[in-house]
Amino acid sequence: MALTVSMDTGIGMTFESGHAVIKDFQMEKRLDASGNKVFVISYKGRVFMNEAMYNAGKAAVAGFNYAFNLVVGEDANQHNLLKLCYLNLKTQDGFTDGVDA
């Protein structure tokens, strides 16, 4: 899984076909002030100049870190956490026009 994105870096470079990859994610179970279970998903990743540079093991040109609350009901359910991370990434500034790669 990855996203193809157009990105302007902090050093003034633009990449039209950047390759955004989530490298790590974790889930933490917490209790809110009312004692309800809350699952916080945090993830981080890198953006490479393009997919070829990613496949060649070259260095990333940018990175990202985000988190969101996983909404779960009382029923037992399974969630594809990596997919949910990519769906959340598509809502973040700079990634909203991302295309699944």
PDB file of N, CA and C in Angstrom:
ATOM      1  N   MET A   1       0.842  -1.177   0.000  1.00  0.00           N
ATOM      2  CA  MET A   1       0.000   0.000   0.000  1.00  0.00           C
ATOM      3  C   MET A   1       0.889   1.243   0.000  1.00  0.00           C
ATOM      4  N   ALA A   2       0.444   2.245  -0.711  1.00  0.00           N
ATOM      5  CA  ALA A   2       1.146   3.522  -0.782  1.00  0.00           C
ATOM      6  C   ALA A   2       0.216   4.526  -1.463  1.00  0.00           C
ATOM      7  N   LEU A   3       0.606   5.788  -1.415  1.00  0.00           N
ATOM      8  CA  LEU A   3      -0.111   6.847  -2.119  1.00  0.00           C
ATOM      9  C   LEU A   3       0.862   7.570  -3.032  1.00  0.00           C
ATOM     10  N   THR A   4       0.401   7.925  -4.213  1.00  0.00           N
ATOM     11  CA  THR A   4       1.157   8.803  -5.091  1.00  0.00           C
ATOM     12  C   THR A   4       0.639  10.210  -4.849  1.00  0.00           C
ATOM     13  N   VAL A   5       1.556  11.128  -4.491  1.00  0.00           N
ATOM     14  CA  VAL A   5       1.165  12.486  -4.117  1.00  0.00           C
ATOM     15  C   VAL A   5       2.068  13.503  -4.797  1.00  0.00           C
ATOM     16  N   SER A   6       1.521  14.683  -5.007  1.00  0.00           N
ATOM     17  CA  SER A   6       2.314  15.823  -5.428  1.00  0.00           C
ATOM     18  C   SER A   6       2.677  16.567  -4.153  1.00  0.00           C
ATOM     19  N   MET A   7       3.953  16.863  -3.974  1.00  0.00           N
ATOM     20  CA  MET A   7       4.371  17.430  -2.692  1.00  0.00           C
ATOM     21  C   MET A   7       5.416  18.512  -2.868  1.00  0.00           C
ATOM     22  N   ASP A   8       5.248  19.586  -2.101  1.00  0.00           N
ATOM     23  CA  ASP A   8       6.270  20.628  -1.972  1.00  0.00           C
ATOM     24  C   ASP A   8       6.956  20.396  -0.635  1.00  0.00           C
ATOM     25  N   THR A   9       8.269  20.252  -0.652  1.00  0.00           N
ATOM     26  CA  THR A   9       9.009  20.005   0.580  1.00  0.00           C
ATOM     27  C   THR A   9       9.336  21.313   1.284  1.00  0.00           C
ATOM     28  N   GLY A  10       9.787  21.204   2.499  1.00  0.00           N
ATOM     29  CA  GLY A  10      10.171  22.376   3.280  1.00  0.00           C
ATOM     30  C   GLY A  10      11.403  23.075   2.743  1.00  0.00           C
ATOM     31  N   ILE A  11      12.126  22.434   1.837  1.00  0.00           N
ATOM     32  CA  ILE A  11      13.330  23.063   1.268  1.00  0.00           C
ATOM     33  C   ILE A  11      13.085  23.583  -0.147  1.00  0.00           C
ATOM     34  N   GLY A  12      11.794  23.699  -0.527  1.00  0.00           N
ATOM     35  CA  GLY A  12      11.446  24.313  -1.797  1.00  0.00           C
ATOM     36  C   GLY A  12      11.462  23.414  -3.010  1.00  0.00           C
ATOM     37  N   MET A  13      11.507  22.108  -2.813  1.00  0.00           N
ATOM     38  CA  MET A  13      11.480  21.191  -3.949  1.00  0.00           C
ATOM     39  C   MET A  13      10.068  20.639  -4.119  1.00  0.00           C
ATOM     40  N   THR A  14       9.688  20.439  -5.386  1.00  0.00           N
ATOM     41  CA  THR A  14       8.377  19.888  -5.693  1.00  0.00           C
ATOM     42  C   THR A  14       8.545  18.523  -6.345  1.00  0.00           C
ATOM     43  N   PHE A  15       7.744  17.571  -5.891  1.00  0.00           N
ATOM     44  CA  PHE A  15       7.753  16.226  -6.460  1.00  0.00           C
ATOM     45  C   PHE A  15       6.343  15.920  -6.935  1.00  0.00           C
ATOM     46  N   GLU A  16       6.192  15.697  -8.234  1.00  0.00           N
ATOM     47  CA  GLU A  16       4.870  15.469  -8.820  1.00  0.00           C
ATOM     48  C   GLU A  16       4.356  14.060  -8.578  1.00  0.00           C
ATOM     49  N   SER A  17       5.252  13.107  -8.402  1.00  0.00           N
ATOM     50  CA  SER A  17       4.807  11.725  -8.197  1.00  0.00           C
ATOM     51  C   SER A  17       5.508  11.126  -6.977  1.00  0.00           C
ATOM     52  N   GLY A  18       5.395  11.870  -5.867  1.00  0.00           N
ATOM     53  CA  GLY A  18       5.967  11.378  -4.618  1.00  0.00           C
ATOM     54  C   GLY A  18       5.304  10.072  -4.204  1.00  0.00           C
ATOM     55  N   HIS A  19       6.039   9.244  -3.501  1.00  0.00           N
ATOM     56  CA  HIS A  19       5.561   7.926  -3.090  1.00  0.00           C
ATOM     57  C   HIS A  19       5.493   7.914  -1.569  1.00  0.00           C
ATOM     58  N   ALA A  20       4.270   8.012  -1.015  1.00  0.00           N
ATOM     59  CA  ALA A  20       4.064   8.078   0.435  1.00  0.00           C
ATOM     60  C   ALA A  20       3.783   6.680   0.982  1.00  0.00           C
ATOM     61  N   VAL A  21       4.566   6.281   1.977  1.00  0.00           N
ATOM     62  CA  VAL A  21       4.481   4.940   2.544  1.00  0.00           C
ATOM     63  C   VAL A  21       4.388   5.034   4.064  1.00  0.00           C
ATOM     64  N   ILE A  22       3.422   4.339   4.638  1.00  0.00           N
ATOM     65  CA  ILE A  22       3.330   4.249   6.094  1.00  0.00           C
ATOM     66  C   ILE A  22       4.317   3.179   6.536  1.00  0.00           C
ATOM     67  N   LYS A  23       5.227   3.563   7.426  1.00  0.00           N
ATOM     68  CA  LYS A  23       6.281   2.647   7.861  1.00  0.00           C
ATOM     69  C   LYS A  23       5.972   1.989   9.208  1.00  0.00           C
ATOM     70  N   ASP A  24       5.123   2.614  10.022  1.00  0.00           N
ATOM     71  CA  ASP A  24       4.895   2.110  11.366  1.00  0.00           C
ATOM     72  C   ASP A  24       3.559   2.632  11.870  1.00  0.00           C
ATOM     73  N   PHE A  25       2.833   1.779  12.588  1.00  0.00           N
ATOM     74  CA  PHE A  25       1.634   2.254  13.282  1.00  0.00           C
ATOM     75  C   PHE A  25       1.469   1.475  14.567  1.00  0.00           C
ATOM     76  N   GLN A  26       0.737   2.082  15.503  1.00  0.00           N
ATOM     77  CA  GLN A  26       0.468   1.409  16.771  1.00  0.00           C
ATOM     78  C   GLN A  26      -0.897   1.819  17.281  1.00  0.00           C
ATOM     79  N   MET A  27      -1.451   0.978  18.130  1.00  0.00           N
ATOM     80  CA  MET A  27      -2.754   1.257  18.732  1.00  0.00           C
ATOM     81  C   MET A  27      -2.579   1.258  20.242  1.00  0.00           C
ATOM     82  N   GLU A  28      -3.163   2.248  20.883  1.00  0.00           N
ATOM     83  CA  GLU A  28      -3.122   2.340  22.336  1.00  0.00           C
ATOM     84  C   GLU A  28      -4.548   2.419  22.864  1.00  0.00           C
ATOM     85  N   LYS A  29      -4.873   1.541  23.787  1.00  0.00           N
ATOM     86  CA  LYS A  29      -6.194   1.550  24.409  1.00  0.00           C
ATOM     87  C   LYS A  29      -6.139   2.472  25.618  1.00  0.00           C
ATOM     88  N   ARG A  30      -7.066   3.419  25.652  1.00  0.00           N
ATOM     89  CA  ARG A  30      -7.139   4.376  26.751  1.00  0.00           C
ATOM     90  C   ARG A  30      -8.567   4.419  27.276  1.00  0.00           C
ATOM     91  N   LEU A  31      -8.731   4.992  28.434  1.00  0.00           N
ATOM     92  CA  LEU A  31     -10.056   5.267  28.978  1.00  0.00           C
ATOM     93  C   LEU A  31     -10.240   6.774  28.998  1.00  0.00           C
ATOM     94  N   ASP A  32     -11.393   7.238  28.492  1.00  0.00           N
ATOM     95  CA  ASP A  32     -11.647   8.671  28.532  1.00  0.00           C
ATOM     96  C   ASP A  32     -12.131   9.066  29.923  1.00  0.00           C
ATOM     97  N   ALA A  33     -12.467  10.335  30.109  1.00  0.00           N
ATOM     98  CA  ALA A  33     -12.867  10.849  31.421  1.00  0.00           C
ATOM     99  C   ALA A  33     -14.110  10.151  31.966  1.00  0.00           C
ATOM    100  N   SER A  34     -14.938   9.599  31.076  1.00  0.00           N
ATOM    101  CA  SER A  34     -16.159   8.905  31.493  1.00  0.00           C
ATOM    102  C   SER A  34     -15.948   7.407  31.683  1.00  0.00           C
ATOM    103  N   GLY A  35     -14.722   6.928  31.457  1.00  0.00           N
ATOM    104  CA  GLY A  35     -14.430   5.507  31.606  1.00  0.00           C
ATOM    105  C   GLY A  35     -14.698   4.683  30.363  1.00  0.00           C
ATOM    106  N   ASN A  36     -14.976   5.345  29.242  1.00  0.00           N
ATOM    107  CA  ASN A  36     -15.214   4.638  27.977  1.00  0.00           C
ATOM    108  C   ASN A  36     -13.887   4.275  27.319  1.00  0.00           C
ATOM    109  N   LYS A  37     -13.856   3.115  26.659  1.00  0.00           N
ATOM    110  CA  LYS A  37     -12.663   2.696  25.928  1.00  0.00           C
ATOM    111  C   LYS A  37     -12.476   3.564  24.684  1.00  0.00           C
ATOM    112  N   VAL A  38     -11.270   4.018  24.505  1.00  0.00           N
ATOM    113  CA  VAL A  38     -10.896   4.784  23.323  1.00  0.00           C
ATOM    114  C   VAL A  38      -9.626   4.147  22.774  1.00  0.00           C
ATOM    115  N   PHE A  39      -9.616   3.871  21.477  1.00  0.00           N
ATOM    116  CA  PHE A  39      -8.441   3.308  20.832  1.00  0.00           C
ATOM    117  C   PHE A  39      -7.816   4.390  19.963  1.00  0.00           C
ATOM    118  N   VAL A  40      -6.591   4.765  20.284  1.00  0.00           N
ATOM    119  CA  VAL A  40      -5.884   5.799  19.538  1.00  0.00           C
ATOM    120  C   VAL A  40      -4.874   5.107  18.620  1.00  0.00           C
ATOM    121  N   ILE A  41      -5.005   5.376  17.329  1.00  0.00           N
ATOM    122  CA  ILE A  41      -4.095   4.836  16.326  1.00  0.00           C
ATOM    123  C   ILE A  41      -3.132   5.948  15.929  1.00  0.00           C
ATOM    124  N   SER A  42      -1.855   5.710  16.096  1.00  0.00           N
ATOM    125  CA  SER A  42      -0.852   6.673  15.635  1.00  0.00           C
ATOM    126  C   SER A  42       0.001   5.986  14.577  1.00  0.00           C
ATOM    127  N   TYR A  43       0.418   6.771  13.583  1.00  0.00           N
ATOM    128  CA  TYR A  43       1.213   6.205  12.492  1.00  0.00           C
ATOM    129  C   TYR A  43       2.197   7.234  11.976  1.00  0.00           C
ATOM    130  N   LYS A  44       3.247   6.708  11.363  1.00  0.00           N
ATOM    131  CA  LYS A  44       4.253   7.581  10.773  1.00  0.00           C
ATOM    132  C   LYS A  44       4.721   6.964   9.463  1.00  0.00           C
ATOM    133  N   GLY A  45       5.249   7.815   8.625  1.00  0.00           N
ATOM    134  CA  GLY A  45       5.700   7.322   7.334  1.00  0.00           C
ATOM    135  C   GLY A  45       6.651   8.278   6.669  1.00  0.00           C
ATOM    136  N   ARG A  46       6.981   7.946   5.449  1.00  0.00           N
ATOM    137  CA  ARG A  46       7.938   8.714   4.666  1.00  0.00           C
ATOM    138  C   ARG A  46       7.401   8.940   3.256  1.00  0.00           C
ATOM    139  N   VAL A  47       7.878  10.010   2.647  1.00  0.00           N
ATOM    140  CA  VAL A  47       7.559  10.290   1.244  1.00  0.00           C
ATOM    141  C   VAL A  47       8.871  10.268   0.472  1.00  0.00           C
ATOM    142  N   PHE A  48       8.887   9.481  -0.586  1.00  0.00           N
ATOM    143  CA  PHE A  48      10.066   9.353  -1.440  1.00  0.00           C
ATOM    144  C   PHE A  48       9.828  10.128  -2.733  1.00  0.00           C
ATOM    145  N   MET A  49      10.893  10.484  -3.421  1.00  0.00           N
ATOM    146  CA  MET A  49      10.784  11.273  -4.647  1.00  0.00           C
ATOM    147  C   MET A  49       9.813  10.618  -5.627  1.00  0.00           C
ATOM    148  N   ASN A  50       9.871   9.295  -5.739  1.00  0.00           N
ATOM    149  CA  ASN A  50       8.949   8.545  -6.578  1.00  0.00           C
ATOM    150  C   ASN A  50       9.055   7.067  -6.174  1.00  0.00           C
ATOM    151  N   GLU A  51       8.252   6.235  -6.781  1.00  0.00           N
ATOM    152  CA  GLU A  51       8.246   4.821  -6.415  1.00  0.00           C
ATOM    153  C   GLU A  51       9.570   4.132  -6.735  1.00  0.00           C
ATOM    154  N   ALA A  52      10.205   4.537  -7.834  1.00  0.00           N
ATOM    155  CA  ALA A  52      11.486   3.938  -8.208  1.00  0.00           C
ATOM    156  C   ALA A  52      12.548   4.209  -7.137  1.00  0.00           C
ATOM    157  N   MET A  53      12.564   5.419  -6.582  1.00  0.00           N
ATOM    158  CA  MET A  53      13.532   5.749  -5.535  1.00  0.00           C
ATOM    159  C   MET A  53      13.238   4.946  -4.263  1.00  0.00           C
ATOM    160  N   TYR A  54      11.965   4.750  -3.970  1.00  0.00           N
ATOM    161  CA  TYR A  54      11.579   3.922  -2.829  1.00  0.00           C
ATOM    162  C   TYR A  54      12.072   2.485  -3.018  1.00  0.00           C
ATOM    163  N   ASN A  55      11.807   1.926  -4.196  1.00  0.00           N
ATOM    164  CA  ASN A  55      12.211   0.549  -4.484  1.00  0.00           C
ATOM    165  C   ASN A  55      13.732   0.378  -4.497  1.00  0.00           C
ATOM    166  N   ALA A  56      14.439   1.446  -4.836  1.00  0.00           N
ATOM    167  CA  ALA A  56      15.901   1.396  -4.876  1.00  0.00           C
ATOM    168  C   ALA A  56      16.523   1.611  -3.495  1.00  0.00           C
ATOM    169  N   GLY A  57      15.694   1.855  -2.480  1.00  0.00           N
ATOM    170  CA  GLY A  57      16.207   2.042  -1.122  1.00  0.00           C
ATOM    171  C   GLY A  57      16.818   3.405  -0.875  1.00  0.00           C
ATOM    172  N   LYS A  58      16.457   4.392  -1.693  1.00  0.00           N
ATOM    173  CA  LYS A  58      16.992   5.748  -1.528  1.00  0.00           C
ATOM    174  C   LYS A  58      16.337   6.437  -0.338  1.00  0.00           C
ATOM    175  N   ALA A  59      16.911   7.536   0.082  1.00  0.00           N
ATOM    176  CA  ALA A  59      16.416   8.273   1.240  1.00  0.00           C
ATOM    177  C   ALA A  59      15.097   8.981   0.932  1.00  0.00           C
ATOM    178  N   ALA A  60      14.269   9.114   1.957  1.00  0.00           N
ATOM    179  CA  ALA A  60      13.005   9.839   1.829  1.00  0.00           C
ATOM    180  C   ALA A  60      13.267  11.337   1.735  1.00  0.00           C
ATOM    181  N   VAL A  61      12.319  12.062   1.123  1.00  0.00           N
ATOM    182  CA  VAL A  61      12.433  13.519   1.011  1.00  0.00           C
ATOM    183  C   VAL A  61      11.576  14.235   2.041  1.00  0.00           C
ATOM    184  N   ALA A  62      10.684  13.503   2.701  1.00  0.00           N
ATOM    185  CA  ALA A  62       9.818  14.093   3.726  1.00  0.00           C
ATOM    186  C   ALA A  62       9.280  12.972   4.617  1.00  0.00           C
ATOM    187  N   GLY A  63       8.734  13.364   5.751  1.00  0.00           N
ATOM    188  CA  GLY A  63       8.120  12.405   6.656  1.00  0.00           C
ATOM    189  C   GLY A  63       6.816  12.950   7.201  1.00  0.00           C
ATOM    190  N   PHE A  64       6.046  12.094   7.855  1.00  0.00           N
ATOM    191  CA  PHE A  64       4.776  12.532   8.448  1.00  0.00           C
ATOM    192  C   PHE A  64       4.452  11.681   9.666  1.00  0.00           C
ATOM    193  N   ASN A  65       3.666  12.271  10.573  1.00  0.00           N
ATOM    194  CA  ASN A  65       3.181  11.607  11.783  1.00  0.00           C
ATOM    195  C   ASN A  65       1.759  12.082  12.032  1.00  0.00           C
ATOM    196  N   TYR A  66       0.826  11.158  12.199  1.00  0.00           N
ATOM    197  CA  TYR A  66      -0.566  11.508  12.472  1.00  0.00           C
ATOM    198  C   TYR A  66      -1.161  10.504  13.456  1.00  0.00           C
ATOM    199  N   ALA A  67      -2.306  10.870  14.007  1.00  0.00           N
ATOM    200  CA  ALA A  67      -3.034   9.985  14.918  1.00  0.00           C
ATOM    201  C   ALA A  67      -4.525  10.244  14.772  1.00  0.00           C
ATOM    202  N   PHE A  68      -5.325   9.223  15.093  1.00  0.00           N
ATOM    203  CA  PHE A  68      -6.773   9.367  15.071  1.00  0.00           C
ATOM    204  C   PHE A  68      -7.378   8.365  16.041  1.00  0.00           C
ATOM    205  N   ASN A  69      -8.615   8.628  16.438  1.00  0.00           N
ATOM    206  CA  ASN A  69      -9.344   7.711  17.311  1.00  0.00           C
ATOM    207  C   ASN A  69     -10.081   6.686  16.467  1.00  0.00           C
ATOM    208  N   LEU A  70      -9.936   5.425  16.827  1.00  0.00           N
ATOM    209  CA  LEU A  70     -10.661   4.352  16.163  1.00  0.00           C
ATOM    210  C   LEU A  70     -12.008   4.212  16.857  1.00  0.00           C
ATOM    211  N   VAL A  71     -13.063   4.375  16.100  1.00  0.00           N
ATOM    212  CA  VAL A  71     -14.412   4.259  16.652  1.00  0.00           C
ATOM    213  C   VAL A  71     -14.837   2.799  16.548  1.00  0.00           C
ATOM    214  N   VAL A  72     -15.145   2.210  17.688  1.00  0.00           N
ATOM    215  CA  VAL A  72     -15.585   0.815  17.723  1.00  0.00           C
ATOM    216  C   VAL A  72     -16.896   0.735  18.492  1.00  0.00           C
ATOM    217  N   GLY A  73     -17.714  -0.210  18.098  1.00  0.00           N
ATOM    218  CA  GLY A  73     -18.970  -0.445  18.793  1.00  0.00           C
ATOM    219  C   GLY A  73     -18.814  -1.544  19.818  1.00  0.00           C
ATOM    220  N   GLU A  74     -19.904  -1.942  20.396  1.00  0.00           N
ATOM    221  CA  GLU A  74     -19.883  -3.011  21.399  1.00  0.00           C
ATOM    222  C   GLU A  74     -19.692  -4.386  20.771  1.00  0.00           C
ATOM    223  N   ASP A  75     -20.055  -4.528  19.487  1.00  0.00           N
ATOM    224  CA  ASP A  75     -19.927  -5.831  18.838  1.00  0.00           C
ATOM    225  C   ASP A  75     -18.471  -6.107  18.475  1.00  0.00           C
ATOM    226  N   ALA A  76     -18.115  -7.383  18.487  1.00  0.00           N
ATOM    227  CA  ALA A  76     -16.765  -7.771  18.093  1.00  0.00           C
ATOM    228  C   ALA A  76     -16.613  -7.522  16.600  1.00  0.00           C
ATOM    229  N   ASN A  77     -15.522  -6.878  16.225  1.00  0.00           N
ATOM    230  CA  ASN A  77     -15.301  -6.552  14.829  1.00  0.00           C
ATOM    231  C   ASN A  77     -13.803  -6.552  14.572  1.00  0.00           C
ATOM    232  N   GLN A  78     -13.426  -6.781  13.352  1.00  0.00           N
ATOM    233  CA  GLN A  78     -12.031  -6.722  12.976  1.00  0.00           C
ATOM    234  C   GLN A  78     -11.835  -5.518  12.065  1.00  0.00           C
ATOM    235  N   HIS A  79     -10.729  -4.843  12.240  1.00  0.00           N
ATOM    236  CA  HIS A  79     -10.423  -3.664  11.444  1.00  0.00           C
ATOM    237  C   HIS A  79      -9.051  -3.842  10.798  1.00  0.00           C
ATOM    238  N   ASN A  80      -8.928  -3.458   9.551  1.00  0.00           N
ATOM    239  CA  ASN A  80      -7.640  -3.429   8.880  1.00  0.00           C
ATOM    240  C   ASN A  80      -7.008  -2.091   9.241  1.00  0.00           C
ATOM    241  N   LEU A  81      -6.150  -2.107  10.263  1.00  0.00           N
ATOM    242  CA  LEU A  81      -5.601  -0.861  10.785  1.00  0.00           C
ATOM    243  C   LEU A  81      -4.726  -0.138   9.766  1.00  0.00           C
ATOM    244  N   LEU A  82      -3.970  -0.876   8.972  1.00  0.00           N
ATOM    245  CA  LEU A  82      -3.133  -0.227   7.960  1.00  0.00           C
ATOM    246  C   LEU A  82      -4.001   0.500   6.938  1.00  0.00           C
ATOM    247  N   LYS A  83      -5.070  -0.132   6.499  1.00  0.00           N
ATOM    248  CA  LYS A  83      -5.984   0.512   5.549  1.00  0.00           C
ATOM    249  C   LYS A  83      -6.594   1.767   6.166  1.00  0.00           C
ATOM    250  N   LEU A  84      -6.992   1.689   7.443  1.00  0.00           N
ATOM    251  CA  LEU A  84      -7.567   2.852   8.120  1.00  0.00           C
ATOM    252  C   LEU A  84      -6.552   3.988   8.214  1.00  0.00           C
ATOM    253  N   CYS A  85      -5.280   3.653   8.404  1.00  0.00           N
ATOM    254  CA  CYS A  85      -4.241   4.685   8.437  1.00  0.00           C
ATOM    255  C   CYS A  85      -4.141   5.390   7.088  1.00  0.00           C
ATOM    256  N   TYR A  86      -4.155   4.626   5.991  1.00  0.00           N
ATOM    257  CA  TYR A  86      -4.097   5.249   4.658  1.00  0.00           C
ATOM    258  C   TYR A  86      -5.346   6.086   4.390  1.00  0.00           C
ATOM    259  N   LEU A  87      -6.511   5.624   4.823  1.00  0.00           N
ATOM    260  CA  LEU A  87      -7.729   6.419   4.648  1.00  0.00           C
ATOM    261  C   LEU A  87      -7.626   7.722   5.430  1.00  0.00           C
ATOM    262  N   ASN A  88      -7.069   7.661   6.638  1.00  0.00           N
ATOM    263  CA  ASN A  88      -6.880   8.877   7.424  1.00  0.00           C
ATOM    264  C   ASN A  88      -5.846   9.783   6.775  1.00  0.00           C
ATOM    265  N   LEU A  89      -4.770   9.204   6.244  1.00  0.00           N
ATOM    266  CA  LEU A  89      -3.735  10.003   5.582  1.00  0.00           C
ATOM    267  C   LEU A  89      -4.327  10.813   4.441  1.00  0.00           C
ATOM    268  N   LYS A  90      -5.284  10.241   3.712  1.00  0.00           N
ATOM    269  CA  LYS A  90      -5.919  10.945   2.595  1.00  0.00           C
ATOM    270  C   LYS A  90      -6.739  12.150   3.043  1.00  0.00           C
ATOM    271  N   THR A  91      -6.974  12.314   4.341  1.00  0.00           N
ATOM    272  CA  THR A  91      -7.717  13.470   4.850  1.00  0.00           C
ATOM    273  C   THR A  91      -6.778  14.579   5.330  1.00  0.00           C
ATOM    274  N   GLN A  92      -5.478  14.322   5.317  1.00  0.00           N
ATOM    275  CA  GLN A  92      -4.508  15.284   5.846  1.00  0.00           C
ATOM    276  C   GLN A  92      -4.045  16.245   4.757  1.00  0.00           C
ATOM    277  N   ASP A  93      -3.759  17.494   5.178  1.00  0.00           N
ATOM    278  CA  ASP A  93      -3.243  18.494   4.233  1.00  0.00           C
ATOM    279  C   ASP A  93      -2.041  17.944   3.482  1.00  0.00           C
ATOM    280  N   GLY A  94      -2.024  18.133   2.182  1.00  0.00           N
ATOM    281  CA  GLY A  94      -0.932  17.668   1.347  1.00  0.00           C
ATOM    282  C   GLY A  94      -1.117  16.250   0.818  1.00  0.00           C
ATOM    283  N   PHE A  95      -2.115  15.531   1.363  1.00  0.00           N
ATOM    284  CA  PHE A  95      -2.338  14.157   0.933  1.00  0.00           C
ATOM    285  C   PHE A  95      -3.754  13.925   0.397  1.00  0.00           C
ATOM    286  N   THR A  96      -4.589  14.962   0.388  1.00  0.00           N
ATOM    287  CA  THR A  96      -5.983  14.795   0.006  1.00  0.00           C
ATOM    288  C   THR A  96      -6.161  14.398  -1.458  1.00  0.00           C
ATOM    289  N   ASP A  97      -5.195  14.731  -2.295  1.00  0.00           N
ATOM    290  CA  ASP A  97      -5.264  14.336  -3.712  1.00  0.00           C
ATOM    291  C   ASP A  97      -4.478  13.067  -3.995  1.00  0.00           C
ATOM    292  N   GLY A  98      -4.049  12.382  -2.940  1.00  0.00           N
ATOM    293  CA  GLY A  98      -3.268  11.154  -3.100  1.00  0.00           C
ATOM    294  C   GLY A  98      -4.043  10.073  -3.826  1.00  0.00           C
ATOM    295  N   VAL A  99      -3.337   9.324  -4.654  1.00  0.00           N
ATOM    296  CA  VAL A  99      -3.920   8.234  -5.426  1.00  0.00           C
ATOM    297  C   VAL A  99      -3.295   6.928  -4.938  1.00  0.00           C
ATOM    298  N   ASP A 100      -4.120   5.924  -4.705  1.00  0.00           N
ATOM    299  CA  ASP A 100      -3.603   4.618  -4.269  1.00  0.00           C
ATOM    300  C   ASP A 100      -2.587   4.110  -5.281  1.00  0.00           C
ATOM    301  N   ALA A 101      -1.462   3.670  -4.762  1.00  0.00           N
ATOM    302  CA  ALA A 101      -0.401   3.156  -5.635  1.00  0.00           C
ATOM    303  C   ALA A 101      -0.184   1.675  -5.404  1.00  0.00           C
TER     304      ALA A 101
END
